[in-house]
Amino acid sequence: MNNDSSLEASSPLTREWHGTHHEWSYRPQAFVWNGEWISGVNLVPFATEMRKWMQQSGQITVLVKQSRSEERAATNPYSYSGSAIALMLSQTINAYHEYATSESPSEDPVDAEATRIRLFNEVLLYSARFCEVVIKQLLYCTQIPQKRYVRAALGELLESPCPSCKRSGGTPHMVSWVGTLACPFHLCREFDHCAMDHMALVNSLRNSRAAHSESEDLNPRTVRESKDQLRRDANKVLEGVVHLLTHIEKLESRVIEDIEKKGTQINFLKKKGLPPEECNFNLAPNLPFKHPLLMV
C-alpha cells in the first residue's frame, strides 16, 4: 500500500486499451412510453449536467422515488440512482472546498488530517460511482444483457474478460463496454486513448485508498498544510473528472439525439397505421432508420 500523499505517485501510466467492441442495438426501454406512444428518451444527460455544474454553469436533474409513479416517468433505474449519486458528488465537492478554504486556527492537527483523508476519499469514491452510473444508464438502453454490467465496477466497464470465453474454459479476450457504446458514433478512439486514462486514474485511486480497510497514514502538521494538500489533491482528481465528462458528454448527446430521432420516426409510422406486431425493429445506433412508409 502506497501511503505517499502525492497523487503523482498513484497516477497510471498512459497505456493502450485493447478491449474489443461489440455490435449492439437499442431496446424498447431506450424510450419513455405513454401507452403505445413514445414520449421521450429514457436517460438523463448527467455527465453533461455535472460537467456544467462543476464549471458553475448548470443545474443537476433531481429524480425522487415518487417520480417513478408519474405519467411518462423515466423507467431507467440508473437515472434515479444517477440523480442521487450526482447530488452526493456535488455535496462532497462543496464540503471539501468549504473545509479546504476555511480558517480554523484552533482545530486540532490530527483532526484536520483525519478530515482531509475522509473528504478526499469521498471525492474519489463518488467520482468513481458517478462515472459508473452514467455509463450503466447508457448501457441500460441497449440490448446488451444487464448481467454483463449490473455488478461491474468502473474498471470492469473499461475492460473485462469476455464471459463467454471464461465459461468455455479458454483464455478470455478483453471487452470494453465503454468502447462498445462509443464505437458506432466514432468516439471510441478518444475514449480508448484519452478518456480511459482519466477513468483509470479515478479507479486506481479508489482501489488503492478509498475502497478497502487500509487507509493513508495520518501525517499531522499545521492545519493549513493539511487543508492545502486536500485542496491540491482533490482539485487534481476533479480536473481529470471534468475532462473525462467532456468525452462522455459527446456520447450522451449523440445517443440522446439518435434515440429522439428514431422515436419520432416510430411514432410517425404508428400514426400511419403500422400495427404493433410490425414494430419489432432492429434499432442500430447511428444508422438511418429505414421503413417503406418513411419513403412515402
Foldseek 3Di string as FASTA:
>chain_A
DDLPLDLVVQQDDFDFADADADFWFFDPLQFQDQVPAGDAGQADLQLVQLLCVVVVHHDQDADDPVQVPDGSGRPQPLRNVLNVLSVQLVVLVVVLVCLLPDDDQVDDLLVLLVVLQVSLLSNLVSLQVNVLSLLVSLVVRIPPDCVQRVPDGLVLLQKDFDPVCVVVVHGTGIHHNVLNLCVLVVLNVCCRRPLVSLSVSSVSCNVVARPDPDHNDRDGDRSNVSSVSSVVSSVVNVVSSSVNSVSVSVSVVQSRVLVVVVSVVLNVVVVVPDDPVPPPDRGGGPDDDDDVVVVD
